[in-house]
Every structure is written in C-alpha cells, then in structure tokens.
Amino acid sequence: MNHSLTGCQGELANKEFKLYIEDEDGNVIRDEMVKTPANGFIDLWLPRDKSYQIKIEHEGKKVEQEISTFEKDPTCITTMQLM
C-alpha cells in the first residue's frame, strides 16, 4: 500500500517509541526515541533498494519486522503490531 498523508490515521498518535533500524549489512541506521505526529505514523526515509530489520518498542511491547525499499515495495507499512 502507498501512504497518503491526508487519508491515513494510525492508532497511536503523539506517542514516543524506541526505534532501531539495521540494514542488511548490519549497519545501524537509526537507534533513537521518536514521537509519532497526529496521524500516528512513524515517518521514515530510508535508502532505496535495500532490506532493513526494524524494531519498535512502546510501553513494554515490541515488534520486529523486515522491510525493504525496492521499487514494488509498499510505502506504508500497517502490519506491524506491538505485542
């Protein structure tokens, strides 16, 4: 799915998350606290044509998923569920 800034609404707006992103070569891309804006999405800009391991934590719950940025990949990931 492609993200539409005007039409999508995430569940956890204005919340802080621990974000960790590592590329396929083991390089740490981001390791920081981020806050979702009013639309509830964590907005990421990642280099194209790569795969990434993403870990997100919030209030003791976490999710880990691999995503990629190849031409046919979705630009809006809505399948990551904190557990």
N, C-alpha and C. Protein backbone atom coordinates (compact mmCIF):
# COMPACT_ATOMS: atom_id res chain seq x y z
N MET A 1 0.85 -1.17 0.00
CA MET A 1 0.00 0.00 0.00
C MET A 1 0.90 1.23 0.00
N ASN A 2 0.45 2.27 -0.65
CA ASN A 2 1.15 3.54 -0.64
C ASN A 2 0.47 4.48 0.34
N HIS A 3 1.26 5.18 1.08
CA HIS A 3 0.75 6.05 2.15
C HIS A 3 0.21 7.36 1.59
N SER A 4 -0.90 7.77 2.12
CA SER A 4 -1.47 9.07 1.79
C SER A 4 -1.51 9.90 3.06
N LEU A 5 -0.73 10.96 3.11
CA LEU A 5 -0.66 11.77 4.32
C LEU A 5 -2.00 12.35 4.73
N THR A 6 -2.89 12.54 3.78
CA THR A 6 -4.18 13.14 4.11
C THR A 6 -5.25 12.11 4.42
N GLY A 7 -5.01 10.83 4.12
CA GLY A 7 -6.08 9.85 4.29
C GLY A 7 -5.80 8.72 5.25
N CYS A 8 -4.63 8.65 5.85
CA CYS A 8 -4.30 7.55 6.75
C CYS A 8 -4.24 8.03 8.20
N GLN A 9 -4.71 7.20 9.12
CA GLN A 9 -4.66 7.53 10.54
C GLN A 9 -4.21 6.31 11.33
N GLY A 10 -3.06 6.43 12.01
CA GLY A 10 -2.56 5.36 12.86
C GLY A 10 -3.23 5.40 14.22
N GLU A 11 -3.09 4.31 14.98
CA GLU A 11 -3.77 4.19 16.27
C GLU A 11 -3.07 4.93 17.41
N LEU A 12 -1.75 5.09 17.34
CA LEU A 12 -1.01 5.65 18.47
C LEU A 12 -0.41 7.01 18.11
N ALA A 13 -1.26 8.01 18.09
CA ALA A 13 -0.83 9.37 17.78
C ALA A 13 -0.17 10.02 18.98
N ASN A 14 0.84 10.83 18.71
CA ASN A 14 1.55 11.61 19.73
C ASN A 14 2.11 10.75 20.86
N LYS A 15 2.70 9.62 20.49
CA LYS A 15 3.31 8.69 21.46
C LYS A 15 4.79 8.53 21.14
N GLU A 16 5.59 8.23 22.19
CA GLU A 16 7.02 8.03 21.99
C GLU A 16 7.33 6.54 21.85
N PHE A 17 8.24 6.24 20.95
CA PHE A 17 8.65 4.88 20.65
C PHE A 17 10.16 4.79 20.59
N LYS A 18 10.70 3.64 20.95
CA LYS A 18 12.12 3.34 20.75
C LYS A 18 12.21 2.71 19.38
N LEU A 19 13.00 3.29 18.50
CA LEU A 19 13.13 2.83 17.12
C LEU A 19 14.57 2.39 16.86
N TYR A 20 14.71 1.19 16.31
CA TYR A 20 16.02 0.66 15.95
C TYR A 20 15.92 0.09 14.54
N ILE A 21 16.81 0.55 13.66
CA ILE A 21 16.82 0.06 12.27
C ILE A 21 18.25 -0.32 11.90
N GLU A 22 18.37 -1.53 11.35
CA GLU A 22 19.66 -2.03 10.91
C GLU A 22 19.52 -2.46 9.45
N ASP A 23 20.53 -2.14 8.62
CA ASP A 23 20.45 -2.56 7.22
C ASP A 23 20.95 -3.98 7.06
N GLU A 24 20.88 -4.50 5.84
CA GLU A 24 21.23 -5.89 5.56
C GLU A 24 22.70 -6.21 5.80
N ASP A 25 23.53 -5.18 5.92
CA ASP A 25 24.96 -5.37 6.20
C ASP A 25 25.29 -5.24 7.68
N GLY A 26 24.26 -5.03 8.51
CA GLY A 26 24.49 -4.90 9.95
C GLY A 26 24.79 -3.48 10.41
N ASN A 27 24.68 -2.51 9.51
CA ASN A 27 24.91 -1.11 9.88
C ASN A 27 23.67 -0.55 10.58
N VAL A 28 23.88 0.12 11.71
CA VAL A 28 22.77 0.74 12.42
C VAL A 28 22.41 2.04 11.71
N ILE A 29 21.16 2.11 11.26
CA ILE A 29 20.67 3.28 10.53
C ILE A 29 20.06 4.28 11.50
N ARG A 30 19.26 3.77 12.44
CA ARG A 30 18.66 4.64 13.47
C ARG A 30 18.58 3.85 14.77
N ASP A 31 18.83 4.53 15.87
CA ASP A 31 18.71 3.96 17.21
C ASP A 31 18.37 5.13 18.11
N GLU A 32 17.06 5.41 18.25
CA GLU A 32 16.65 6.62 18.94
C GLU A 32 15.19 6.55 19.38
N MET A 33 14.81 7.50 20.18
CA MET A 33 13.41 7.68 20.54
C MET A 33 12.78 8.58 19.48
N VAL A 34 11.57 8.21 19.04
CA VAL A 34 10.82 9.02 18.08
C VAL A 34 9.40 9.22 18.61
N LYS A 35 8.78 10.28 18.19
CA LYS A 35 7.40 10.56 18.58
C LYS A 35 6.53 10.62 17.34
N THR A 36 5.41 9.92 17.38
CA THR A 36 4.50 9.95 16.24
C THR A 36 3.77 11.29 16.22
N PRO A 37 3.53 11.81 15.04
CA PRO A 37 2.73 13.03 14.94
C PRO A 37 1.24 12.70 15.10
N ALA A 38 0.39 13.65 14.83
CA ALA A 38 -1.06 13.50 15.00
C ALA A 38 -1.64 12.38 14.13
N ASN A 39 -0.97 12.02 13.03
CA ASN A 39 -1.51 10.95 12.18
C ASN A 39 -1.14 9.56 12.70
N GLY A 40 -0.31 9.47 13.75
CA GLY A 40 0.01 8.19 14.37
C GLY A 40 1.04 7.34 13.66
N PHE A 41 1.69 7.85 12.63
CA PHE A 41 2.68 7.07 11.89
C PHE A 41 4.09 7.52 12.23
N ILE A 42 5.02 6.57 12.22
CA ILE A 42 6.44 6.89 12.30
C ILE A 42 6.89 7.09 10.86
N ASP A 43 7.30 8.29 10.53
CA ASP A 43 7.67 8.64 9.16
C ASP A 43 9.16 8.34 8.97
N LEU A 44 9.47 7.42 8.06
CA LEU A 44 10.86 7.03 7.82
C LEU A 44 11.24 7.28 6.36
N TRP A 45 12.44 7.79 6.17
CA TRP A 45 13.01 7.91 4.84
C TRP A 45 14.26 7.05 4.83
N LEU A 46 14.23 5.96 4.07
CA LEU A 46 15.34 5.02 4.02
C LEU A 46 15.86 4.91 2.59
N PRO A 47 17.17 4.66 2.44
CA PRO A 47 17.72 4.50 1.09
C PRO A 47 17.02 3.38 0.31
N ARG A 48 16.88 3.60 -0.99
CA ARG A 48 16.19 2.64 -1.87
C ARG A 48 17.01 1.38 -2.10
N ASP A 49 16.27 0.34 -2.51
CA ASP A 49 16.85 -0.92 -2.96
C ASP A 49 17.67 -1.64 -1.89
N LYS A 50 17.16 -1.62 -0.67
CA LYS A 50 17.81 -2.32 0.44
C LYS A 50 16.75 -2.97 1.32
N SER A 51 17.21 -3.90 2.16
CA SER A 51 16.35 -4.52 3.18
C SER A 51 16.80 -4.06 4.55
N TYR A 52 15.85 -3.94 5.47
CA TYR A 52 16.13 -3.43 6.81
C TYR A 52 15.40 -4.27 7.86
N GLN A 53 16.03 -4.44 8.99
CA GLN A 53 15.40 -5.06 10.15
C GLN A 53 14.98 -3.91 11.07
N ILE A 54 13.70 -3.83 11.37
CA ILE A 54 13.18 -2.74 12.19
C ILE A 54 12.64 -3.30 13.50
N LYS A 55 13.00 -2.64 14.61
CA LYS A 55 12.48 -2.97 15.93
C LYS A 55 11.85 -1.71 16.51
N ILE A 56 10.63 -1.85 17.01
CA ILE A 56 9.92 -0.73 17.62
C ILE A 56 9.42 -1.19 18.98
N GLU A 57 9.62 -0.35 20.01
CA GLU A 57 9.16 -0.66 21.37
C GLU A 57 8.35 0.51 21.91
N HIS A 58 7.30 0.17 22.68
CA HIS A 58 6.46 1.19 23.31
C HIS A 58 5.79 0.57 24.53
N GLU A 59 6.02 1.15 25.69
CA GLU A 59 5.40 0.73 26.94
C GLU A 59 5.49 -0.78 27.18
N GLY A 60 6.69 -1.33 27.00
CA GLY A 60 6.93 -2.74 27.26
C GLY A 60 6.52 -3.69 26.14
N LYS A 61 5.89 -3.18 25.12
CA LYS A 61 5.51 -4.01 23.98
C LYS A 61 6.46 -3.73 22.83
N LYS A 62 6.66 -4.75 21.98
CA LYS A 62 7.59 -4.54 20.87
C LYS A 62 7.18 -5.33 19.64
N VAL A 63 7.75 -4.93 18.54
CA VAL A 63 7.54 -5.61 17.26
C VAL A 63 8.84 -5.54 16.48
N GLU A 64 9.08 -6.59 15.71
CA GLU A 64 10.27 -6.64 14.87
C GLU A 64 9.84 -7.16 13.51
N GLN A 65 10.31 -6.52 12.46
CA GLN A 65 9.91 -6.93 11.12
C GLN A 65 10.97 -6.50 10.12
N GLU A 66 11.12 -7.28 9.07
CA GLU A 66 12.00 -6.89 7.97
C GLU A 66 11.15 -6.15 6.95
N ILE A 67 11.67 -5.03 6.47
CA ILE A 67 11.02 -4.32 5.37
C ILE A 67 12.09 -4.04 4.32
N SER A 68 11.64 -3.69 3.13
CA SER A 68 12.59 -3.36 2.07
C SER A 68 12.07 -2.16 1.28
N THR A 69 12.98 -1.58 0.52
CA THR A 69 12.66 -0.34 -0.20
C THR A 69 12.89 -0.49 -1.71
N PHE A 70 12.55 -1.67 -2.23
CA PHE A 70 12.68 -1.88 -3.66
C PHE A 70 11.47 -1.28 -4.38
N GLU A 71 11.57 -1.13 -5.68
CA GLU A 71 10.57 -0.40 -6.46
C GLU A 71 9.12 -0.85 -6.22
N LYS A 72 8.86 -2.11 -6.09
CA LYS A 72 7.49 -2.63 -5.95
C LYS A 72 7.03 -2.73 -4.49
N ASP A 73 7.89 -2.37 -3.53
CA ASP A 73 7.55 -2.48 -2.11
C ASP A 73 6.57 -1.39 -1.68
N PRO A 74 5.72 -1.70 -0.70
CA PRO A 74 4.77 -0.68 -0.21
C PRO A 74 5.50 0.45 0.51
N THR A 75 4.91 1.63 0.46
CA THR A 75 5.50 2.78 1.16
C THR A 75 4.80 3.03 2.49
N CYS A 76 3.76 2.27 2.78
CA CYS A 76 3.03 2.41 4.04
C CYS A 76 2.91 1.02 4.65
N ILE A 77 3.57 0.80 5.77
CA ILE A 77 3.55 -0.49 6.45
C ILE A 77 2.56 -0.41 7.60
N THR A 78 1.49 -1.16 7.53
CA THR A 78 0.47 -1.12 8.57
C THR A 78 0.30 -2.47 9.27
N THR A 79 1.24 -3.40 9.02
CA THR A 79 1.12 -4.74 9.56
C THR A 79 1.91 -4.95 10.86
N MET A 80 2.66 -3.96 11.29
CA MET A 80 3.47 -4.13 12.49
C MET A 80 2.60 -3.88 13.73
N GLN A 81 2.45 -4.92 14.55
CA GLN A 81 1.60 -4.84 15.73
C GLN A 81 2.43 -5.04 16.99
N LEU A 82 2.37 -4.09 17.91
CA LEU A 82 3.07 -4.20 19.17
C LEU A 82 2.45 -5.30 20.01
N MET A 83 3.30 -6.18 20.56
CA MET A 83 2.80 -7.29 21.37
C MET A 83 3.59 -7.36 22.65
